[in-house]
N, C-alpha and C. Protein backbone atom coordinates (compact mmCIF):
# COMPACT_ATOMS: atom_id res chain seq x y z
N MET A 1 0.77 -1.37 -0.22
CA MET A 1 -0.02 -0.11 0.02
C MET A 1 0.90 1.31 -0.10
N ASP A 2 2.23 1.12 0.17
CA ASP A 2 2.80 2.37 0.23
C ASP A 2 2.95 3.44 -0.93
N LYS A 3 2.68 2.66 -2.28
CA LYS A 3 2.54 3.79 -3.23
C LYS A 3 1.16 4.23 -3.75
N ASN A 4 -0.07 3.66 -3.16
CA ASN A 4 -1.28 4.15 -3.44
C ASN A 4 -1.59 5.13 -2.41
N THR A 5 -1.60 6.47 -2.78
CA THR A 5 -1.93 7.48 -1.86
C THR A 5 -3.24 7.37 -1.50
N LYS A 6 -4.17 7.00 -2.49
CA LYS A 6 -5.64 7.10 -2.21
C LYS A 6 -5.96 6.12 -1.30
N ALA A 7 -5.57 4.95 -1.35
CA ALA A 7 -5.81 4.04 -0.25
C ALA A 7 -5.02 4.38 1.09
N LYS A 8 -3.82 5.15 1.11
CA LYS A 8 -3.35 5.92 2.23
C LYS A 8 -4.37 6.71 2.86
N GLY A 9 -4.87 7.64 2.04
CA GLY A 9 -5.73 8.65 2.19
C GLY A 9 -6.98 8.27 3.19
N ASP A 10 -7.60 7.03 2.60
CA ASP A 10 -8.94 6.45 2.83
C ASP A 10 -8.75 5.88 4.10
N LEU A 11 -7.34 5.08 4.51
CA LEU A 11 -7.25 4.39 5.77
C LEU A 11 -7.15 5.61 6.65
N ALA A 12 -6.36 6.78 6.47
CA ALA A 12 -6.36 7.85 7.36
C ALA A 12 -7.85 8.43 7.77
N GLU A 13 -8.52 8.69 6.83
CA GLU A 13 -9.82 9.05 7.06
C GLU A 13 -10.65 8.11 7.95
N ALA A 14 -10.60 6.92 7.79
CA ALA A 14 -11.25 5.86 8.32
C ALA A 14 -11.04 5.67 10.01
N ALA A 15 -9.46 6.02 10.13
CA ALA A 15 -8.90 5.94 11.38
C ALA A 15 -9.40 7.10 12.41
N ILE A 16 -9.53 8.25 11.43
CA ILE A 16 -9.78 9.70 12.02
C ILE A 16 -11.44 9.57 12.37
N LEU A 17 -12.05 9.05 11.33
CA LEU A 17 -13.58 9.07 11.62
C LEU A 17 -13.89 8.12 13.07
N LYS A 18 -13.05 6.94 13.03
CA LYS A 18 -13.29 6.09 14.23
C LYS A 18 -13.12 6.92 15.37
N GLN A 19 -11.93 7.77 15.46
CA GLN A 19 -11.61 8.39 16.69
C GLN A 19 -12.60 9.41 17.08
N PHE A 20 -13.14 10.31 16.07
CA PHE A 20 -14.24 11.06 16.40
C PHE A 20 -15.60 10.51 16.86
N LEU A 21 -16.04 9.31 16.26
CA LEU A 21 -17.13 8.70 16.83
C LEU A 21 -16.73 7.89 18.06
N SER A 22 -15.59 7.36 18.47
CA SER A 22 -15.38 6.86 19.80
C SER A 22 -15.46 7.94 20.77
N LYS A 23 -15.51 8.98 20.58
CA LYS A 23 -15.28 10.21 21.39
C LYS A 23 -17.01 10.87 21.38
N GLU A 24 -17.68 10.08 20.83
CA GLU A 24 -19.08 10.56 20.69
C GLU A 24 -19.63 11.83 19.85
N TYR A 25 -18.53 12.12 19.34
CA TYR A 25 -18.91 13.51 18.33
C TYR A 25 -19.86 12.97 17.12
N LYS A 26 -20.51 13.95 16.77
CA LYS A 26 -21.44 13.83 15.54
C LYS A 26 -20.62 14.37 14.26
N VAL A 27 -20.68 12.99 13.41
CA VAL A 27 -19.84 13.31 12.21
C VAL A 27 -20.56 13.36 10.99
N LEU A 28 -20.47 14.29 10.04
CA LEU A 28 -21.02 14.50 8.85
C LEU A 28 -19.82 14.08 7.42
N LYS A 29 -20.36 13.37 6.55
CA LYS A 29 -19.19 12.95 5.54
C LYS A 29 -19.87 13.70 4.33
N PRO A 30 -19.07 14.56 3.83
CA PRO A 30 -19.67 15.03 2.35
C PRO A 30 -19.90 14.29 1.26
N PHE A 31 -20.78 14.35 0.36
CA PHE A 31 -21.01 13.56 -0.56
C PHE A 31 -19.93 13.75 -1.84
N GLY A 32 -19.09 12.80 -2.28
CA GLY A 32 -18.11 13.18 -3.32
C GLY A 32 -16.62 13.54 -2.96
N ASP A 33 -15.73 14.15 -3.69
CA ASP A 33 -14.48 14.47 -3.27
C ASP A 33 -14.21 15.81 -3.90
N ASN A 34 -15.31 16.84 -4.03
CA ASN A 34 -14.98 18.10 -4.57
C ASN A 34 -14.75 19.18 -3.45
N TYR A 35 -14.69 18.74 -2.20
CA TYR A 35 -14.61 19.56 -1.24
C TYR A 35 -13.02 19.84 -0.45
N GLN A 36 -12.78 20.92 0.11
CA GLN A 36 -11.37 21.11 0.56
C GLN A 36 -11.23 20.46 2.13
N TYR A 37 -12.31 19.85 2.43
CA TYR A 37 -12.43 19.05 3.65
C TYR A 37 -12.98 17.80 3.59
N ASP A 38 -12.63 16.82 4.66
CA ASP A 38 -13.10 15.21 4.49
C ASP A 38 -14.28 15.07 5.33
N LEU A 39 -14.43 15.78 6.48
CA LEU A 39 -15.49 15.63 7.39
C LEU A 39 -15.77 16.92 8.01
N VAL A 40 -17.06 16.84 8.57
CA VAL A 40 -17.68 17.91 9.35
C VAL A 40 -17.93 17.44 10.53
N VAL A 41 -17.70 17.74 11.61
CA VAL A 41 -17.75 17.52 13.02
C VAL A 41 -18.67 18.58 13.94
N ASP A 42 -19.52 18.18 14.54
CA ASP A 42 -20.09 18.81 15.53
C ASP A 42 -19.83 18.72 16.70
N ASN A 43 -19.02 19.56 17.29
CA ASN A 43 -18.43 19.73 18.69
C ASN A 43 -19.44 20.17 19.93
N GLY A 44 -20.51 20.10 19.59
CA GLY A 44 -21.59 20.80 20.37
C GLY A 44 -21.71 22.31 20.53
N GLN A 45 -20.60 23.17 19.93
CA GLN A 45 -20.78 24.45 19.60
C GLN A 45 -20.84 24.79 18.41
N GLY A 46 -20.77 24.05 17.35
CA GLY A 46 -20.99 24.24 15.97
C GLY A 46 -20.41 23.15 15.27
N PHE A 47 -20.27 23.75 13.88
CA PHE A 47 -19.79 22.61 12.86
C PHE A 47 -18.32 23.07 12.57
N LYS A 48 -17.40 21.96 12.36
CA LYS A 48 -16.09 22.30 12.19
C LYS A 48 -15.54 21.49 10.90
N LYS A 49 -15.04 22.19 10.13
CA LYS A 49 -14.54 21.22 8.80
C LYS A 49 -13.10 20.82 9.14
N ILE A 50 -12.83 19.39 8.72
CA ILE A 50 -11.68 18.72 9.15
C ILE A 50 -11.29 18.11 7.79
N GLN A 51 -9.95 18.40 7.64
CA GLN A 51 -9.19 17.77 6.52
C GLN A 51 -8.30 16.60 7.20
N CYS A 52 -8.55 15.54 6.74
CA CYS A 52 -7.58 14.26 7.11
C CYS A 52 -6.66 14.12 6.30
N LYS A 53 -5.37 14.04 6.89
CA LYS A 53 -4.11 13.59 6.22
C LYS A 53 -3.68 12.30 6.80
N SER A 54 -2.68 11.67 6.06
CA SER A 54 -1.86 10.73 6.41
C SER A 54 -0.37 11.50 6.89
N ALA A 55 0.06 10.82 8.08
CA ALA A 55 1.39 11.21 8.17
C ALA A 55 2.34 10.18 8.26
N VAL A 56 3.75 10.43 8.17
CA VAL A 56 4.57 9.51 7.97
C VAL A 56 5.50 9.80 9.20
N TYR A 57 5.89 8.50 10.16
CA TYR A 57 6.79 8.69 11.12
C TYR A 57 8.29 8.37 10.48
N HIS A 58 9.12 9.11 10.85
CA HIS A 58 10.66 8.98 10.81
C HIS A 58 11.12 8.46 11.94
N LYS A 59 11.28 7.23 12.05
CA LYS A 59 11.94 6.43 13.25
C LYS A 59 13.31 7.11 13.52
N ASP A 60 14.20 7.39 12.59
CA ASP A 60 15.54 7.50 12.79
C ASP A 60 15.64 9.35 13.14
N LYS A 61 14.39 9.96 13.07
CA LYS A 61 14.31 11.34 13.55
C LYS A 61 13.51 11.49 14.66
N GLY A 62 12.61 10.64 15.02
CA GLY A 62 11.87 10.59 16.03
C GLY A 62 10.77 11.69 15.68
N VAL A 63 10.38 11.76 14.67
CA VAL A 63 9.41 12.89 14.19
C VAL A 63 8.25 12.38 13.19
N ILE A 64 7.16 12.84 13.18
CA ILE A 64 6.12 12.70 12.31
C ILE A 64 6.01 13.84 11.49
N THR A 65 5.78 13.79 9.98
CA THR A 65 5.63 14.82 9.07
C THR A 65 4.61 14.61 8.23
N CYS A 66 3.86 15.76 7.70
CA CYS A 66 2.78 15.50 6.96
C CYS A 66 2.82 16.86 5.80
N VAL A 67 2.45 16.77 4.81
CA VAL A 67 2.26 17.79 3.88
C VAL A 67 0.76 18.30 3.97
N LEU A 68 0.48 19.44 4.25
CA LEU A 68 -0.71 20.20 4.29
C LEU A 68 -0.94 20.95 3.17
N GLN A 69 -1.09 20.53 2.12
CA GLN A 69 -1.40 21.15 0.83
C GLN A 69 -2.24 20.44 0.04
N ARG A 70 -3.02 21.04 -0.70
CA ARG A 70 -4.09 20.39 -1.77
C ARG A 70 -3.76 20.98 -3.31
N LYS A 71 -4.25 19.93 -3.87
CA LYS A 71 -4.17 20.19 -5.55
C LYS A 71 -5.01 21.08 -6.14
N GLU A 72 -4.62 21.97 -6.91
CA GLU A 72 -5.50 23.01 -7.53
C GLU A 72 -5.19 22.90 -9.23
N TYR A 73 -6.18 22.79 -9.89
CA TYR A 73 -5.91 22.83 -11.51
C TYR A 73 -5.72 24.44 -11.83
N VAL A 74 -4.60 24.85 -12.43
CA VAL A 74 -4.25 26.17 -12.74
C VAL A 74 -3.54 25.86 -13.97
N ASP A 75 -3.99 26.61 -15.02
CA ASP A 75 -3.16 26.75 -16.39
C ASP A 75 -2.99 25.52 -17.02
N LYS A 76 -4.06 24.63 -16.97
CA LYS A 76 -3.97 23.32 -17.47
C LYS A 76 -2.98 22.19 -16.88
N LYS A 77 -2.60 22.51 -15.61
CA LYS A 77 -1.79 21.59 -14.92
C LYS A 77 -2.28 21.57 -13.18
N TYR A 78 -1.97 20.65 -12.46
CA TYR A 78 -2.16 20.57 -11.36
C TYR A 78 -1.11 21.17 -10.38
N ILE A 79 -1.32 22.03 -9.36
CA ILE A 79 -0.28 22.32 -8.61
C ILE A 79 -0.53 22.47 -7.05
N ASN A 80 0.30 22.28 -6.22
CA ASN A 80 0.23 22.24 -4.76
C ASN A 80 0.08 23.70 -4.45
N VAL A 81 -1.20 23.87 -3.51
CA VAL A 81 -1.36 25.17 -2.71
C VAL A 81 -1.85 24.86 -1.28
N PRO A 82 -1.34 26.13 -0.69
CA PRO A 82 -1.92 25.80 0.85
C PRO A 82 -3.34 25.83 0.95
N TYR A 83 -3.96 25.41 2.31
CA TYR A 83 -5.31 25.45 2.36
C TYR A 83 -5.41 26.89 3.00
N ARG A 84 -6.76 27.30 2.75
CA ARG A 84 -7.17 28.74 2.96
C ARG A 84 -8.02 28.47 4.41
N LYS A 85 -8.28 29.64 5.03
CA LYS A 85 -9.04 29.67 6.39
C LYS A 85 -10.74 29.15 6.14
N GLU A 86 -10.83 29.61 4.79
CA GLU A 86 -12.36 29.25 4.43
C GLU A 86 -12.63 27.71 4.09
N ASP A 87 -11.30 27.14 3.83
CA ASP A 87 -11.47 25.81 3.44
C ASP A 87 -11.47 24.61 4.73
N VAL A 88 -11.00 24.93 5.66
CA VAL A 88 -10.66 23.95 6.90
C VAL A 88 -10.63 24.76 8.31
N ASP A 89 -11.23 24.00 9.16
CA ASP A 89 -10.92 24.55 10.47
C ASP A 89 -9.78 24.08 11.36
N TYR A 90 -9.91 22.63 10.98
CA TYR A 90 -8.80 21.67 11.48
C TYR A 90 -8.11 20.50 10.45
N PHE A 91 -6.96 20.40 11.00
CA PHE A 91 -6.44 19.14 10.18
C PHE A 91 -6.13 17.99 11.39
N ALA A 92 -6.60 16.81 10.86
CA ALA A 92 -6.49 15.59 11.29
C ALA A 92 -5.59 14.55 10.70
N LEU A 93 -4.48 14.27 11.59
CA LEU A 93 -3.48 13.56 11.06
C LEU A 93 -3.78 11.93 11.62
N TYR A 94 -3.45 11.15 10.30
CA TYR A 94 -3.14 9.77 11.27
C TYR A 94 -1.85 9.28 10.78
N CYS A 95 -1.34 8.48 11.83
CA CYS A 95 -0.07 7.86 11.63
C CYS A 95 0.04 6.58 11.62
N ARG A 96 -0.04 5.70 10.37
CA ARG A 96 -0.10 4.39 10.49
C ARG A 96 0.86 3.42 11.32
N ASP A 97 1.86 4.12 11.00
CA ASP A 97 3.16 3.43 12.01
C ASP A 97 2.87 3.41 13.29
N LEU A 98 2.22 4.24 13.82
CA LEU A 98 2.06 4.57 15.42
C LEU A 98 0.86 4.19 15.65
N ASP A 99 -0.31 4.22 14.79
CA ASP A 99 -1.55 3.78 15.01
C ASP A 99 -2.10 4.90 15.97
N LYS A 100 -1.79 6.27 15.63
CA LYS A 100 -2.39 7.28 16.48
C LYS A 100 -2.92 8.35 15.27
N ALA A 101 -3.77 9.30 16.11
CA ALA A 101 -4.37 10.50 15.34
C ALA A 101 -4.08 11.67 16.08
N TYR A 102 -3.97 12.70 15.34
CA TYR A 102 -3.57 13.93 16.05
C TYR A 102 -4.41 15.09 15.32
N LEU A 103 -4.84 16.02 16.28
CA LEU A 103 -5.65 17.05 15.52
C LEU A 103 -5.08 18.38 16.20
N PHE A 104 -5.16 19.41 15.13
CA PHE A 104 -4.81 20.52 15.51
C PHE A 104 -5.61 21.79 14.54
N PRO A 105 -5.64 23.07 15.13
CA PRO A 105 -6.19 24.16 14.38
C PRO A 105 -5.46 24.36 13.00
N PHE A 106 -6.18 25.04 12.19
CA PHE A 106 -5.44 25.61 10.94
C PHE A 106 -4.91 26.62 10.98
N LYS A 107 -3.89 26.83 10.40
CA LYS A 107 -2.68 27.79 10.50
C LYS A 107 -2.31 28.62 9.19
N GLU A 108 -2.51 29.74 8.95
CA GLU A 108 -2.36 30.45 7.72
C GLU A 108 -0.98 29.97 7.10
N ASN A 109 -1.01 29.81 5.76
CA ASN A 109 0.16 29.50 4.99
C ASN A 109 1.20 28.37 5.64
N MET A 110 0.45 27.25 6.18
CA MET A 110 1.16 26.13 6.80
C MET A 110 1.32 25.08 5.61
N SER A 111 2.31 24.74 5.15
CA SER A 111 2.38 23.71 4.02
C SER A 111 2.84 22.27 4.58
N THR A 112 3.56 22.39 5.53
CA THR A 112 3.97 21.18 6.22
C THR A 112 3.99 21.28 7.65
N ILE A 113 3.78 19.90 8.26
CA ILE A 113 4.00 19.97 9.62
C ILE A 113 4.99 18.82 10.27
N THR A 114 5.48 19.18 11.08
CA THR A 114 6.56 18.30 11.79
C THR A 114 6.25 17.98 13.18
N LEU A 115 5.76 17.08 13.66
CA LEU A 115 5.73 16.68 15.11
C LEU A 115 6.76 15.73 15.77
N ARG A 116 7.12 16.33 16.87
CA ARG A 116 8.10 15.48 17.46
C ARG A 116 7.54 14.36 18.34
N VAL A 117 7.84 13.02 17.98
CA VAL A 117 7.39 12.08 19.12
C VAL A 117 8.40 11.48 19.98
N ASP A 118 9.76 11.66 19.63
CA ASP A 118 10.74 11.27 20.76
C ASP A 118 11.60 12.56 20.96
N PRO A 119 11.96 12.77 22.31
CA PRO A 119 12.69 13.87 22.56
C PRO A 119 14.18 14.15 21.56
N PRO A 120 14.24 15.08 21.32
CA PRO A 120 15.43 15.37 20.54
C PRO A 120 16.70 14.89 21.32
N LYS A 121 17.81 14.38 20.38
CA LYS A 121 19.10 13.84 20.79
C LYS A 121 19.91 15.08 21.41
N ASN A 122 19.68 16.22 21.16
CA ASN A 122 20.45 17.15 21.47
C ASN A 122 19.80 18.15 22.69
N ASN A 123 18.62 17.62 23.17
CA ASN A 123 17.81 18.18 24.22
C ASN A 123 17.56 19.36 23.94
N GLN A 124 17.42 19.87 22.62
CA GLN A 124 16.94 21.40 22.36
C GLN A 124 15.07 21.15 22.60
N SER A 125 14.79 22.35 23.29
CA SER A 125 13.38 22.49 23.37
C SER A 125 12.85 23.73 22.90
N LYS A 126 13.55 24.51 22.41
CA LYS A 126 12.80 25.75 21.78
C LYS A 126 12.30 25.22 20.16
N GLY A 127 10.93 25.58 20.29
CA GLY A 127 10.34 25.35 18.86
C GLY A 127 9.75 24.05 18.52
N VAL A 128 10.15 23.26 19.68
CA VAL A 128 9.76 22.02 19.22
C VAL A 128 8.36 21.86 19.79
N VAL A 129 7.66 21.09 18.69
CA VAL A 129 6.08 20.69 18.79
C VAL A 129 5.85 19.44 18.94
N TYR A 130 5.57 18.83 20.32
CA TYR A 130 5.42 17.49 20.51
C TYR A 130 4.14 16.78 19.97
N ALA A 131 4.30 15.75 19.40
CA ALA A 131 2.89 15.22 18.79
C ALA A 131 2.03 14.93 20.05
N LYS A 132 2.35 14.49 21.10
CA LYS A 132 1.40 14.02 22.47
C LYS A 132 0.52 15.22 22.79
N GLU A 133 0.88 16.46 22.42
CA GLU A 133 -0.01 17.76 22.72
C GLU A 133 -1.02 17.78 21.87
N PHE A 134 -1.13 16.91 20.58
CA PHE A 134 -2.10 16.79 19.73
C PHE A 134 -2.89 15.66 19.43
N GLU A 135 -2.44 14.78 20.50
CA GLU A 135 -3.15 13.56 20.07
C GLU A 135 -4.63 13.58 20.70
N PHE A 136 -5.50 12.83 19.90
CA PHE A 136 -6.96 12.79 20.38
C PHE A 136 -7.39 11.33 19.98
C-alpha cells in the first residue's frame, strides 16, 4: 500500500472518523470528493471542517511529518497550494506506523507540519512541537 496515495488517504480518513465517533462526536461526511475538507464534526458548539491527512513517522529522527497542501488545477496543470481559512478549520493526521491520530487547528500559510514523537537527541526544546500535545 506504500505507493497508493488514495488508499493511504482512505485509511487515514477511516481511522480519524473512528476517533471522532469513539469520542461520541456527531460526524458528517460530504458526498463526493470536490470539497477541501473530508469531514464535518459537530463539537456541540458548531460545525468544524476537518481535513484528514496521512502522516509519516521517521523513526530515525523521532518525528512525524505531513504535507498540508491541496491540488488545484491552474493553467492546464495541477499544482500544490496551501489550504485557506475558508477551506478548513482543523487538520487531523493519522500515522499508521504509530496507529495514532492528531488534531490541530488551521494556521495560515502552513504547508507542512513536523511533530516530535521522541525527545531531541541534543535536548533542544525551543521551537519543538510535541505530537503528544495534539493526540486525540
